[in-house]
Amino acid sequence: MIDLRSDTVTRPRKGMLAAMAAAQVGDDVWGDDPTVLRLQATVAERTGKEAGLFLPTGTQSNLAALMAHCGRGDEYIVGQAAHAYRDEGGGAAVLGSIQPQPIENAADGSLPLDKIAAAIKPVDIHYARTRLLALENTTGGKVLPAGYVAEATQLARERGLATHLDGARVCNAAVASKLSLAALCAPFDSVSMCFSKGLGAPVGSVLVGSKAVIEAARRWRKMLGGGMRQSGVLAAACLYALEHNFERLAEDHDNAACLAEGLAQIDQVKVLSHATNMVFAQFPQQHCAPLEAWLRERGILTQVLYGSRFVTHLDVSRADIGVFVNAVKQYFAR
């Protein structure tokens, strides 16, 4: 199957499976799994942070970070479209007793500085205590402009806020912007980096930050059910991904551009945007369900909606892009 639903659908290849099979393991709850320790140290070094913490998911990584920065009754400022607000089950509010203060994202994925400033609550018993600014990179495939990030995090610091980056696809951002992970992560107090998307690992995220933040997050990880044992088997996949699948993200970006160009040539399709490894396109409403079924019959998995998202990854080749575009053309040519 050609699967364009998400970059989370990748499957480990032989090299990664071999690395997992050969992994040295211990008990990570005791802190003595050597492969986990190596992963945490490697990611901390690559991102320029003091320490790292291996977690099973990006959702848990973000939540542990929010809970490390914010206490009960505190508030974090976040985008309406941010995964940490919209797509993580309300965990910050339900499990962390942390109030989100969502702000509408601008077209480039940023949060307007004037809206951030206006959302910060004064010190008053009537208000939640604003403690944290949470940004996301990438958002809808778009890389946050470095200049904007510098201004937003500086504003947060001046107003006494900590900063967190949901860097689920920060590796895509690094490759696309030709900036190092350390440069992209430098403005933030904590960063969550995901390995189960474009990097192709089956599971896992690493949260990085200061030693104090990471120790607080480690306690929350345990309370959130994330204490793992011989997790070096999984950490080995993440290390392999970082070594072998980082630079090749550029191929996914090129394939997404090719996909956008191909769809733009079809009269019935409107390409809304494309950036890094994501393409957003609009289809006539009456054709969405029939086209999705048509594609599935031809071995192509995707969601066809009025506003659709297609995501390229290491299991989608340039030839696969051609197959997909031709299938869409054939559907509308009937």
C-alpha atoms as a PDB file:
ATOM      1  CA  MET A   1       0.000   0.000   0.000  1.00  0.00           C
ATOM      2  CA  ILE A   2       1.004   3.616  -0.618  1.00  0.00           C
ATOM      3  CA  ASP A   3       0.066   5.329   2.648  1.00  0.00           C
ATOM      4  CA  LEU A   4      -0.142   9.121   2.596  1.00  0.00           C
ATOM      5  CA  ARG A   5      -2.249   9.543   5.751  1.00  0.00           C
ATOM      6  CA  SER A   6       0.648  10.508   8.010  1.00  0.00           C
ATOM      7  CA  ASP A   7       4.379  10.080   8.570  1.00  0.00           C
ATOM      8  CA  THR A   8       3.507   8.052  11.676  1.00  0.00           C
ATOM      9  CA  VAL A   9       2.749   4.986   9.518  1.00  0.00           C
ATOM     10  CA  THR A  10       6.386   4.156   8.709  1.00  0.00           C
ATOM     11  CA  ARG A  11       7.669   0.667   9.430  1.00  0.00           C
ATOM     12  CA  PRO A  12      11.182  -0.186  10.634  1.00  0.00           C
ATOM     13  CA  ARG A  13      13.484  -1.564   7.950  1.00  0.00           C
ATOM     14  CA  LYS A  14      16.115  -4.281   8.261  1.00  0.00           C
ATOM     15  CA  GLY A  15      18.878  -2.028   9.571  1.00  0.00           C
ATOM     16  CA  MET A  16      16.689  -0.593  12.298  1.00  0.00           C
ATOM     17  CA  LEU A  17      15.331  -4.018  13.256  1.00  0.00           C
ATOM     18  CA  ALA A  18      18.886  -5.324  13.504  1.00  0.00           C
ATOM     19  CA  ALA A  19      19.851  -2.434  15.770  1.00  0.00           C
ATOM     20  CA  MET A  20      16.846  -3.168  17.975  1.00  0.00           C
ATOM     21  CA  ALA A  21      17.694  -6.859  18.172  1.00  0.00           C
ATOM     22  CA  ALA A  22      21.290  -6.093  19.151  1.00  0.00           C
ATOM     23  CA  ALA A  23      20.450  -3.424  21.738  1.00  0.00           C
ATOM     24  CA  GLN A  24      22.034  -3.623  25.165  1.00  0.00           C
ATOM     25  CA  VAL A  25      19.306  -3.194  27.757  1.00  0.00           C
ATOM     26  CA  GLY A  26      18.823  -2.651  31.467  1.00  0.00           C
ATOM     27  CA  ASP A  27      15.959  -1.352  33.588  1.00  0.00           C
ATOM     28  CA  ASP A  28      15.190   2.228  32.673  1.00  0.00           C
ATOM     29  CA  VAL A  29      13.078   2.847  35.781  1.00  0.00           C
ATOM     30  CA  TRP A  30      16.264   2.159  37.749  1.00  0.00           C
ATOM     31  CA  GLY A  31      18.104   4.379  35.280  1.00  0.00           C
ATOM     32  CA  ASP A  32      20.500   1.697  34.086  1.00  0.00           C
ATOM     33  CA  ASP A  33      19.442   0.930  30.528  1.00  0.00           C
ATOM     34  CA  PRO A  34      22.635   1.822  28.599  1.00  0.00           C
ATOM     35  CA  THR A  35      20.926   2.358  25.249  1.00  0.00           C
ATOM     36  CA  VAL A  36      18.313   4.683  26.726  1.00  0.00           C
ATOM     37  CA  LEU A  37      21.043   6.615  28.513  1.00  0.00           C
ATOM     38  CA  ARG A  38      22.961   6.945  25.234  1.00  0.00           C
ATOM     39  CA  LEU A  39      19.869   8.159  23.386  1.00  0.00           C
ATOM     40  CA  GLN A  40      19.071  10.745  26.044  1.00  0.00           C
ATOM     41  CA  ALA A  41      22.645  12.025  26.106  1.00  0.00           C
ATOM     42  CA  THR A  42      22.881  12.098  22.303  1.00  0.00           C
ATOM     43  CA  VAL A  43      19.684  14.074  21.821  1.00  0.00           C
ATOM     44  CA  ALA A  44      20.576  16.466  24.641  1.00  0.00           C
ATOM     45  CA  GLU A  45      23.944  17.114  22.980  1.00  0.00           C
ATOM     46  CA  ARG A  46      22.419  17.539  19.498  1.00  0.00           C
ATOM     47  CA  THR A  47      19.853  20.030  20.839  1.00  0.00           C
ATOM     48  CA  GLY A  48      22.247  21.891  23.112  1.00  0.00           C
ATOM     49  CA  LYS A  49      20.409  21.024  26.334  1.00  0.00           C
ATOM     50  CA  GLU A  50      21.614  19.695  29.678  1.00  0.00           C
ATOM     51  CA  ALA A  51      19.575  16.514  29.851  1.00  0.00           C
ATOM     52  CA  GLY A  52      17.057  14.332  28.052  1.00  0.00           C
ATOM     53  CA  LEU A  53      14.239  11.957  28.954  1.00  0.00           C
ATOM     54  CA  PHE A  54      12.942   9.104  26.788  1.00  0.00           C
ATOM     55  CA  LEU A  55       9.150   8.821  26.696  1.00  0.00           C
ATOM     56  CA  PRO A  56       6.882   6.485  24.738  1.00  0.00           C
ATOM     57  CA  THR A  57       4.911   9.189  22.910  1.00  0.00           C
ATOM     58  CA  GLY A  58       5.015  12.824  21.910  1.00  0.00           C
ATOM     59  CA  THR A  59       1.707  13.369  23.691  1.00  0.00           C
ATOM     60  CA  GLN A  60       3.170  12.157  26.982  1.00  0.00           C
ATOM     61  CA  SER A  61       6.364  14.119  26.366  1.00  0.00           C
ATOM     62  CA  ASN A  62       4.429  17.353  25.872  1.00  0.00           C
ATOM     63  CA  LEU A  63       2.255  16.690  28.913  1.00  0.00           C
ATOM     64  CA  ALA A  64       5.218  15.873  31.166  1.00  0.00           C
ATOM     65  CA  ALA A  65       6.858  19.114  30.021  1.00  0.00           C
ATOM     66  CA  LEU A  66       3.726  21.178  30.688  1.00  0.00           C
ATOM     67  CA  MET A  67       3.419  19.653  34.147  1.00  0.00           C
ATOM     68  CA  ALA A  68       7.095  20.288  34.864  1.00  0.00           C
ATOM     69  CA  HIS A  69       6.673  23.967  34.034  1.00  0.00           C
ATOM     70  CA  CYS A  70       3.175  24.586  35.405  1.00  0.00           C
ATOM     71  CA  GLY A  71       1.424  23.791  38.669  1.00  0.00           C
ATOM     72  CA  ARG A  72      -2.212  23.228  39.505  1.00  0.00           C
ATOM     73  CA  GLY A  73      -4.217  26.280  38.472  1.00  0.00           C
ATOM     74  CA  ASP A  74      -1.476  27.664  36.219  1.00  0.00           C
ATOM     75  CA  GLU A  75      -1.951  28.492  32.543  1.00  0.00           C
ATOM     76  CA  TYR A  76      -0.060  27.980  29.308  1.00  0.00           C
ATOM     77  CA  ILE A  77      -0.431  30.032  26.124  1.00  0.00           C
ATOM     78  CA  VAL A  78      -0.731  27.866  23.013  1.00  0.00           C
ATOM     79  CA  GLY A  79      -2.014  27.960  19.429  1.00  0.00           C
ATOM     80  CA  GLN A  80      -5.569  26.958  18.531  1.00  0.00           C
ATOM     81  CA  ALA A  81      -4.118  24.584  15.940  1.00  0.00           C
ATOM     82  CA  ALA A  82      -1.359  23.254  18.199  1.00  0.00           C
ATOM     83  CA  HIS A  83      -1.221  19.519  18.775  1.00  0.00           C
ATOM     84  CA  ALA A  84      -0.585  20.075  22.505  1.00  0.00           C
ATOM     85  CA  TYR A  85      -3.919  21.886  22.730  1.00  0.00           C
ATOM     86  CA  ARG A  86      -6.218  20.412  20.100  1.00  0.00           C
ATOM     87  CA  ASP A  87      -5.077  16.831  19.598  1.00  0.00           C
ATOM     88  CA  GLU A  88      -3.905  15.501  22.950  1.00  0.00           C
ATOM     89  CA  GLY A  89      -7.231  14.798  24.626  1.00  0.00           C
ATOM     90  CA  GLY A  90      -7.180  17.829  26.898  1.00  0.00           C
ATOM     91  CA  GLY A  91      -4.565  16.080  29.043  1.00  0.00           C
ATOM     92  CA  ALA A  92      -3.060  19.288  30.417  1.00  0.00           C
ATOM     93  CA  ALA A  93      -6.428  20.336  31.843  1.00  0.00           C
ATOM     94  CA  VAL A  94      -7.697  16.883  32.841  1.00  0.00           C
ATOM     95  CA  LEU A  95      -4.512  15.370  34.301  1.00  0.00           C
ATOM     96  CA  GLY A  96      -2.385  18.431  35.019  1.00  0.00           C
ATOM     97  CA  SER A  97      -5.064  20.891  36.174  1.00  0.00           C
ATOM     98  CA  ILE A  98      -3.362  23.357  33.812  1.00  0.00           C
ATOM     99  CA  GLN A  99      -5.560  25.832  31.961  1.00  0.00           C
ATOM    100  CA  PRO A 100      -4.837  26.368  28.270  1.00  0.00           C
ATOM    101  CA  GLN A 101      -5.097  29.871  26.849  1.00  0.00           C
ATOM    102  CA  PRO A 102      -5.410  29.233  23.109  1.00  0.00           C
ATOM    103  CA  ILE A 103      -4.587  31.895  20.528  1.00  0.00           C
ATOM    104  CA  GLU A 104      -5.499  31.693  16.853  1.00  0.00           C
ATOM    105  CA  ASN A 105      -2.487  30.796  14.727  1.00  0.00           C
ATOM    106  CA  ALA A 106      -1.407  33.142  11.960  1.00  0.00           C
ATOM    107  CA  ALA A 107      -1.137  31.777   8.424  1.00  0.00           C
ATOM    108  CA  ASP A 108       2.540  30.869   8.942  1.00  0.00           C
ATOM    109  CA  GLY A 109       1.770  28.919  12.117  1.00  0.00           C
ATOM    110  CA  SER A 110       3.042  31.610  14.484  1.00  0.00           C
ATOM    111  CA  LEU A 111       1.167  33.230  17.355  1.00  0.00           C
ATOM    112  CA  PRO A 112       0.983  37.024  16.879  1.00  0.00           C
ATOM    113  CA  LEU A 113       3.143  38.770  19.465  1.00  0.00           C
ATOM    114  CA  ASP A 114       0.474  41.303  20.386  1.00  0.00           C
ATOM    115  CA  LYS A 115      -1.971  38.472  21.092  1.00  0.00           C
ATOM    116  CA  ILE A 116       0.586  36.677  23.257  1.00  0.00           C
ATOM    117  CA  ALA A 117       1.179  39.851  25.242  1.00  0.00           C
ATOM    118  CA  ALA A 118      -2.562  40.464  25.649  1.00  0.00           C
ATOM    119  CA  ALA A 119      -3.133  36.882  26.839  1.00  0.00           C
ATOM    120  CA  ILE A 120      -0.642  37.067  29.720  1.00  0.00           C
ATOM    121  CA  LYS A 121      -2.687  37.528  32.885  1.00  0.00           C
ATOM    122  CA  PRO A 122      -1.830  40.117  35.529  1.00  0.00           C
ATOM    123  CA  VAL A 123      -1.021  38.893  39.008  1.00  0.00           C
ATOM    124  CA  ASP A 124      -4.509  38.773  40.496  1.00  0.00           C
ATOM    125  CA  ILE A 125      -6.405  36.166  42.522  1.00  0.00           C
ATOM    126  CA  HIS A 126      -9.153  36.216  39.888  1.00  0.00           C
ATOM    127  CA  TYR A 127      -6.895  34.870  37.143  1.00  0.00           C
ATOM    128  CA  ALA A 128      -4.965  31.728  36.419  1.00  0.00           C
ATOM    129  CA  ARG A 129      -1.219  32.279  36.664  1.00  0.00           C
ATOM    130  CA  THR A 130       0.310  32.469  33.195  1.00  0.00           C
ATOM    131  CA  ARG A 131       3.492  30.386  33.364  1.00  0.00           C
ATOM    132  CA  LEU A 132       4.398  29.071  29.924  1.00  0.00           C
ATOM    133  CA  LEU A 133       4.425  29.835  26.202  1.00  0.00           C
ATOM    134  CA  ALA A 134       4.181  26.689  24.065  1.00  0.00           C
ATOM    135  CA  LEU A 135       5.021  26.851  20.356  1.00  0.00           C
ATOM    136  CA  GLU A 136       5.094  24.125  17.705  1.00  0.00           C
ATOM    137  CA  ASN A 137       7.595  23.524  14.899  1.00  0.00           C
ATOM    138  CA  THR A 138       6.524  22.582  12.290  1.00  0.00           C
ATOM    139  CA  THR A 139       2.844  23.638  12.161  1.00  0.00           C
ATOM    140  CA  GLY A 140       0.948  22.256   9.194  1.00  0.00           C
ATOM    141  CA  GLY A 141       4.337  21.488   7.706  1.00  0.00           C
ATOM    142  CA  LYS A 142       5.427  25.139   7.926  1.00  0.00           C
ATOM    143  CA  VAL A 143       8.673  26.013   9.674  1.00  0.00           C
ATOM    144  CA  LEU A 144       8.356  28.814  12.212  1.00  0.00           C
ATOM    145  CA  PRO A 145      10.533  31.746  11.099  1.00  0.00           C
ATOM    146  CA  ALA A 146      13.659  31.934  13.261  1.00  0.00           C
ATOM    147  CA  GLY A 147      13.271  35.678  13.732  1.00  0.00           C
ATOM    148  CA  TYR A 148       9.753  35.224  15.012  1.00  0.00           C
ATOM    149  CA  VAL A 149      10.824  32.504  17.456  1.00  0.00           C
ATOM    150  CA  ALA A 150      13.519  34.794  18.857  1.00  0.00           C
ATOM    151  CA  GLU A 151      11.012  37.614  19.382  1.00  0.00           C
ATOM    152  CA  ALA A 152       8.308  35.398  20.877  1.00  0.00           C
ATOM    153  CA  THR A 153      10.610  33.682  23.355  1.00  0.00           C
ATOM    154  CA  GLN A 154      12.214  36.989  24.300  1.00  0.00           C
ATOM    155  CA  LEU A 155       8.745  38.395  25.019  1.00  0.00           C
ATOM    156  CA  ALA A 156       7.977  35.364  27.161  1.00  0.00           C
ATOM    157  CA  ARG A 157      11.202  35.733  29.154  1.00  0.00           C
ATOM    158  CA  GLU A 158      10.604  39.436  29.722  1.00  0.00           C
ATOM    159  CA  ARG A 159       7.180  38.599  31.137  1.00  0.00           C
ATOM    160  CA  GLY A 160       8.490  35.832  33.370  1.00  0.00           C
ATOM    161  CA  LEU A 161       7.252  32.880  31.312  1.00  0.00           C
ATOM    162  CA  ALA A 162       9.034  29.631  30.547  1.00  0.00           C
ATOM    163  CA  THR A 163       9.006  28.359  26.956  1.00  0.00           C
ATOM    164  CA  HIS A 164       8.328  24.911  25.507  1.00  0.00           C
ATOM    165  CA  LEU A 165       8.607  23.713  21.919  1.00  0.00           C
ATOM    166  CA  ASP A 166       6.504  20.862  20.632  1.00  0.00           C
ATOM    167  CA  GLY A 167       9.172  19.779  18.179  1.00  0.00           C
ATOM    168  CA  ALA A 168       7.377  16.699  16.899  1.00  0.00           C
ATOM    169  CA  ARG A 169       8.806  17.517  13.461  1.00  0.00           C
ATOM    170  CA  VAL A 170      11.695  19.742  14.518  1.00  0.00           C
ATOM    171  CA  CYS A 171      14.025  17.523  12.468  1.00  0.00           C
ATOM    172  CA  ASN A 172      12.017  18.411   9.362  1.00  0.00           C
ATOM    173  CA  ALA A 173      12.334  22.050  10.370  1.00  0.00           C
ATOM    174  CA  ALA A 174      16.102  21.714  10.771  1.00  0.00           C
ATOM    175  CA  VAL A 175      16.586  20.076   7.382  1.00  0.00           C
ATOM    176  CA  ALA A 176      14.270  22.520   5.603  1.00  0.00           C
ATOM    177  CA  SER A 177      15.814  25.634   7.182  1.00  0.00           C
ATOM    178  CA  LYS A 178      19.396  24.306   7.033  1.00  0.00           C
ATOM    179  CA  LEU A 179      19.774  25.185  10.704  1.00  0.00           C
ATOM    180  CA  SER A 180      21.078  22.847  13.377  1.00  0.00           C
ATOM    181  CA  LEU A 181      18.845  21.284  15.987  1.00  0.00           C
ATOM    182  CA  ALA A 182      20.782  23.235  18.603  1.00  0.00           C
ATOM    183  CA  ALA A 183      20.002  26.529  16.858  1.00  0.00           C
ATOM    184  CA  LEU A 184      16.292  25.738  16.596  1.00  0.00           C
ATOM    185  CA  CYS A 185      16.059  24.553  20.207  1.00  0.00           C
ATOM    186  CA  ALA A 186      18.244  27.239  21.817  1.00  0.00           C
ATOM    187  CA  PRO A 187      15.430  29.735  22.548  1.00  0.00           C
ATOM    188  CA  PHE A 188      13.362  27.180  24.499  1.00  0.00           C
ATOM    189  CA  ASP A 189      13.534  25.884  28.058  1.00  0.00           C
ATOM    190  CA  SER A 190      12.272  22.480  26.932  1.00  0.00           C
ATOM    191  CA  VAL A 191      11.757  20.714  23.619  1.00  0.00           C
ATOM    192  CA  SER A 192       9.868  17.529  22.770  1.00  0.00           C
ATOM    193  CA  MET A 193      11.361  15.713  19.767  1.00  0.00           C
ATOM    194  CA  CYS A 194       9.511  12.837  18.122  1.00  0.00           C
ATOM    195  CA  PHE A 195      11.135   9.815  16.470  1.00  0.00           C
ATOM    196  CA  SER A 196       8.033   7.971  15.232  1.00  0.00           C
ATOM    197  CA  LYS A 197       7.243  10.371  12.387  1.00  0.00           C
ATOM    198  CA  GLY A 198       9.615  11.218   9.553  1.00  0.00           C
ATOM    199  CA  LEU A 199      12.590   9.648  11.301  1.00  0.00           C
ATOM    200  CA  GLY A 200      10.863   6.292  10.999  1.00  0.00           C
ATOM    201  CA  ALA A 201      11.202   4.751  14.468  1.00  0.00           C
ATOM    202  CA  PRO A 202       8.226   2.658  15.608  1.00  0.00           C
ATOM    203  CA  VAL A 203       7.714   4.595  18.852  1.00  0.00           C
ATOM    204  CA  GLY A 204       9.344   7.171  21.088  1.00  0.00           C
ATOM    205  CA  SER A 205      10.025  10.822  21.887  1.00  0.00           C
ATOM    206  CA  VAL A 206      12.777  12.562  23.826  1.00  0.00           C
ATOM    207  CA  LEU A 207      12.158  15.595  26.014  1.00  0.00           C
ATOM    208  CA  VAL A 208      15.198  17.821  26.533  1.00  0.00           C
ATOM    209  CA  GLY A 209      15.835  20.758  28.821  1.00  0.00           C
ATOM    210  CA  SER A 210      17.655  21.721  31.990  1.00  0.00           C
ATOM    211  CA  LYS A 211      18.454  19.065  34.559  1.00  0.00           C
ATOM    212  CA  ALA A 212      15.805  20.521  36.865  1.00  0.00           C
ATOM    213  CA  VAL A 213      13.069  20.419  34.224  1.00  0.00           C
ATOM    214  CA  ILE A 214      13.989  16.885  33.172  1.00  0.00           C
ATOM    215  CA  GLU A 215      14.013  15.585  36.756  1.00  0.00           C
ATOM    216  CA  ALA A 216      10.547  17.075  37.310  1.00  0.00           C
ATOM    217  CA  ALA A 217       9.369  15.551  34.017  1.00  0.00           C
ATOM    218  CA  ARG A 218      10.802  12.156  35.023  1.00  0.00           C
ATOM    219  CA  ARG A 219       8.565  12.127  38.101  1.00  0.00           C
ATOM    220  CA  TRP A 220       5.544  13.110  36.026  1.00  0.00           C
ATOM    221  CA  ARG A 221       6.398  10.426  33.478  1.00  0.00           C
ATOM    222  CA  LYS A 222       6.142   7.821  36.209  1.00  0.00           C
ATOM    223  CA  MET A 223       2.807   9.167  37.432  1.00  0.00           C
ATOM    224  CA  LEU A 224       1.504   9.270  33.860  1.00  0.00           C
ATOM    225  CA  GLY A 225       2.251   5.570  33.439  1.00  0.00           C
ATOM    226  CA  GLY A 226       5.366   6.033  31.346  1.00  0.00           C
ATOM    227  CA  GLY A 227       7.965   4.234  33.418  1.00  0.00           C
ATOM    228  CA  MET A 228       9.530   1.699  31.068  1.00  0.00           C
ATOM    229  CA  ARG A 229      11.852  -1.228  31.699  1.00  0.00           C
ATOM    230  CA  GLN A 230      14.047  -2.719  28.931  1.00  0.00           C
ATOM    231  CA  SER A 231      13.204   0.190  26.663  1.00  0.00           C
ATOM    232  CA  GLY A 232      16.666   0.166  25.121  1.00  0.00           C
ATOM    233  CA  VAL A 233      15.119  -1.977  22.379  1.00  0.00           C
ATOM    234  CA  LEU A 234      13.048   1.071  21.408  1.00  0.00           C
ATOM    235  CA  ALA A 235      15.806   3.580  22.099  1.00  0.00           C
ATOM    236  CA  ALA A 236      18.055   1.681  19.676  1.00  0.00           C
ATOM    237  CA  ALA A 237      15.527   2.339  16.909  1.00  0.00           C
ATOM    238  CA  CYS A 238      15.579   6.048  17.736  1.00  0.00           C
ATOM    239  CA  LEU A 239      19.380   6.171  17.686  1.00  0.00           C
ATOM    240  CA  TYR A 240      19.405   4.383  14.338  1.00  0.00           C
ATOM    241  CA  ALA A 241      16.821   6.845  13.011  1.00  0.00           C
ATOM    242  CA  LEU A 242      18.847   9.831  14.127  1.00  0.00           C
ATOM    243  CA  GLU A 243      21.971   8.473  12.454  1.00  0.00           C
ATOM    244  CA  HIS A 244      20.460   7.181   9.198  1.00  0.00           C
ATOM    245  CA  ASN A 245      17.162   8.981   8.562  1.00  0.00           C
ATOM    246  CA  PHE A 246      17.812  12.596   9.493  1.00  0.00           C
ATOM    247  CA  GLU A 247      19.389  14.031   6.336  1.00  0.00           C
ATOM    248  CA  ARG A 248      17.107  11.990   4.079  1.00  0.00           C
ATOM    249  CA  LEU A 249      14.121  14.045   5.291  1.00  0.00           C
ATOM    250  CA  ALA A 250      15.040  16.340   2.399  1.00  0.00           C
ATOM    251  CA  GLU A 251      13.759  13.596   0.062  1.00  0.00           C
ATOM    252  CA  ASP A 252      10.361  13.733   1.755  1.00  0.00           C
ATOM    253  CA  HIS A 253      10.286  17.495   1.265  1.00  0.00           C
ATOM    254  CA  ASP A 254      11.147  17.148  -2.423  1.00  0.00           C
ATOM    255  CA  ASN A 255       8.470  14.464  -2.832  1.00  0.00           C
ATOM    256  CA  ALA A 256       5.885  16.714  -1.197  1.00  0.00           C
ATOM    257  CA  ALA A 257       6.759  19.509  -3.614  1.00  0.00           C
ATOM    258  CA  CYS A 258       6.393  17.052  -6.506  1.00  0.00           C
ATOM    259  CA  LEU A 259       3.034  15.921  -5.147  1.00  0.00           C
ATOM    260  CA  ALA A 260       1.783  19.497  -4.848  1.00  0.00           C
ATOM    261  CA  GLU A 261       2.915  20.239  -8.408  1.00  0.00           C
ATOM    262  CA  GLY A 262       1.144  17.146  -9.732  1.00  0.00           C
ATOM    263  CA  LEU A 263      -2.149  17.834  -7.961  1.00  0.00           C
ATOM    264  CA  ALA A 264      -2.071  21.475  -9.103  1.00  0.00           C
ATOM    265  CA  GLN A 265      -2.329  20.251 -12.694  1.00  0.00           C
ATOM    266  CA  ILE A 266      -5.734  18.664 -12.027  1.00  0.00           C
ATOM    267  CA  ASP A 267      -8.574  21.123 -12.638  1.00  0.00           C
ATOM    268  CA  GLN A 268     -10.835  19.708  -9.937  1.00  0.00           C
ATOM    269  CA  VAL A 269      -8.165  19.944  -7.230  1.00  0.00           C
ATOM    270  CA  LYS A 270      -7.087  23.112  -5.459  1.00  0.00           C
ATOM    271  CA  VAL A 271      -3.707  22.945  -3.726  1.00  0.00           C
ATOM    272  CA  LEU A 272      -3.979  25.109  -0.620  1.00  0.00           C
ATOM    273  CA  SER A 273      -0.382  24.907   0.574  1.00  0.00           C
ATOM    274  CA  HIS A 274       2.648  22.700   0.842  1.00  0.00           C
ATOM    275  CA  ALA A 275       5.655  22.874   3.122  1.00  0.00           C
ATOM    276  CA  THR A 276       8.287  20.375   4.264  1.00  0.00           C
ATOM    277  CA  ASN A 277       6.581  16.964   3.993  1.00  0.00           C
ATOM    278  CA  MET A 278       2.932  18.041   3.923  1.00  0.00           C
ATOM    279  CA  VAL A 279       0.527  18.991   1.152  1.00  0.00           C
ATOM    280  CA  PHE A 280      -2.930  20.430   1.802  1.00  0.00           C
ATOM    281  CA  ALA A 281      -5.482  20.282  -1.002  1.00  0.00           C
ATOM    282  CA  GLN A 282      -9.186  20.835  -1.525  1.00  0.00           C
ATOM    283  CA  PHE A 283     -11.495  18.492  -3.432  1.00  0.00           C
ATOM    284  CA  PRO A 284     -15.139  18.917  -4.474  1.00  0.00           C
ATOM    285  CA  GLN A 285     -17.210  17.716  -1.534  1.00  0.00           C
ATOM    286  CA  GLN A 286     -19.285  15.282  -3.580  1.00  0.00           C
ATOM    287  CA  HIS A 287     -16.140  13.511  -4.795  1.00  0.00           C
ATOM    288  CA  CYS A 288     -14.383  13.029  -1.452  1.00  0.00           C
ATOM    289  CA  ALA A 289     -15.811   9.648  -0.382  1.00  0.00           C
ATOM    290  CA  PRO A 290     -15.875   8.133  -3.909  1.00  0.00           C
ATOM    291  CA  LEU A 291     -12.298   9.264  -4.600  1.00  0.00           C
ATOM    292  CA  GLU A 292     -11.053   7.863  -1.291  1.00  0.00           C
ATOM    293  CA  ALA A 293     -12.653   4.493  -2.125  1.00  0.00           C
ATOM    294  CA  TRP A 294     -11.226   4.644  -5.680  1.00  0.00           C
ATOM    295  CA  LEU A 295      -7.735   5.202  -4.317  1.00  0.00           C
ATOM    296  CA  ARG A 296      -8.035   2.439  -1.736  1.00  0.00           C
ATOM    297  CA  GLU A 297      -9.036  -0.025  -4.468  1.00  0.00           C
ATOM    298  CA  ARG A 298      -5.760   0.882  -6.174  1.00  0.00           C
ATOM    299  CA  GLY A 299      -3.617   0.347  -3.129  1.00  0.00           C
ATOM    300  CA  ILE A 300      -3.465   3.951  -1.916  1.00  0.00           C
ATOM    301  CA  LEU A 301      -4.423   4.849   1.651  1.00  0.00           C
ATOM    302  CA  THR A 302      -5.347   8.460   2.374  1.00  0.00           C
ATOM    303  CA  GLN A 303      -8.144  10.569   3.770  1.00  0.00           C
ATOM    304  CA  VAL A 304      -9.884  12.588   1.075  1.00  0.00           C
ATOM    305  CA  LEU A 305     -11.747  15.471   2.641  1.00  0.00           C
ATOM    306  CA  TYR A 306     -12.890  18.901   1.491  1.00  0.00           C
ATOM    307  CA  GLY A 307      -9.574  20.002   2.985  1.00  0.00           C
ATOM    308  CA  SER A 308      -7.138  17.081   2.785  1.00  0.00           C
ATOM    309  CA  ARG A 309      -3.633  16.555   4.148  1.00  0.00           C
ATOM    310  CA  PHE A 310      -1.112  14.297   2.407  1.00  0.00           C
ATOM    311  CA  VAL A 311       2.150  13.461   4.174  1.00  0.00           C
ATOM    312  CA  THR A 312       5.311  12.074   2.587  1.00  0.00           C
ATOM    313  CA  HIS A 313       7.771   9.879   4.483  1.00  0.00           C
ATOM    314  CA  LEU A 314      10.480   7.258   4.029  1.00  0.00           C
ATOM    315  CA  ASP A 315       7.978   4.610   2.887  1.00  0.00           C
ATOM    316  CA  VAL A 316       6.749   6.833   0.012  1.00  0.00           C
ATOM    317  CA  SER A 317       8.985   7.036  -3.066  1.00  0.00           C
ATOM    318  CA  ARG A 318       8.948   9.485  -5.986  1.00  0.00           C
ATOM    319  CA  ALA A 319       7.416   6.697  -8.067  1.00  0.00           C
ATOM    320  CA  ASP A 320       4.643   6.321  -5.480  1.00  0.00           C
ATOM    321  CA  ILE A 321       3.881  10.026  -5.836  1.00  0.00           C
ATOM    322  CA  GLY A 322       3.431   9.503  -9.578  1.00  0.00           C
ATOM    323  CA  VAL A 323       1.099   6.556  -8.979  1.00  0.00           C
ATOM    324  CA  PHE A 324      -1.035   8.614  -6.608  1.00  0.00           C
ATOM    325  CA  VAL A 325      -1.269  11.668  -8.865  1.00  0.00           C
ATOM    326  CA  ASN A 326      -2.123   9.514 -11.890  1.00  0.00           C
ATOM    327  CA  ALA A 327      -4.836   7.720  -9.912  1.00  0.00           C
ATOM    328  CA  VAL A 328      -6.439  11.041  -9.018  1.00  0.00           C
ATOM    329  CA  LYS A 329      -6.218  12.160 -12.652  1.00  0.00           C
ATOM    330  CA  GLN A 330      -7.838   8.909 -13.816  1.00  0.00           C
ATOM    331  CA  TYR A 331     -10.690   9.306 -11.336  1.00  0.00           C
ATOM    332  CA  PHE A 332     -11.604  12.780 -12.600  1.00  0.00           C
ATOM    333  CA  ALA A 333     -11.070  11.790 -16.250  1.00  0.00           C
ATOM    334  CA  ARG A 334     -13.725   9.064 -16.156  1.00  0.00           C
END
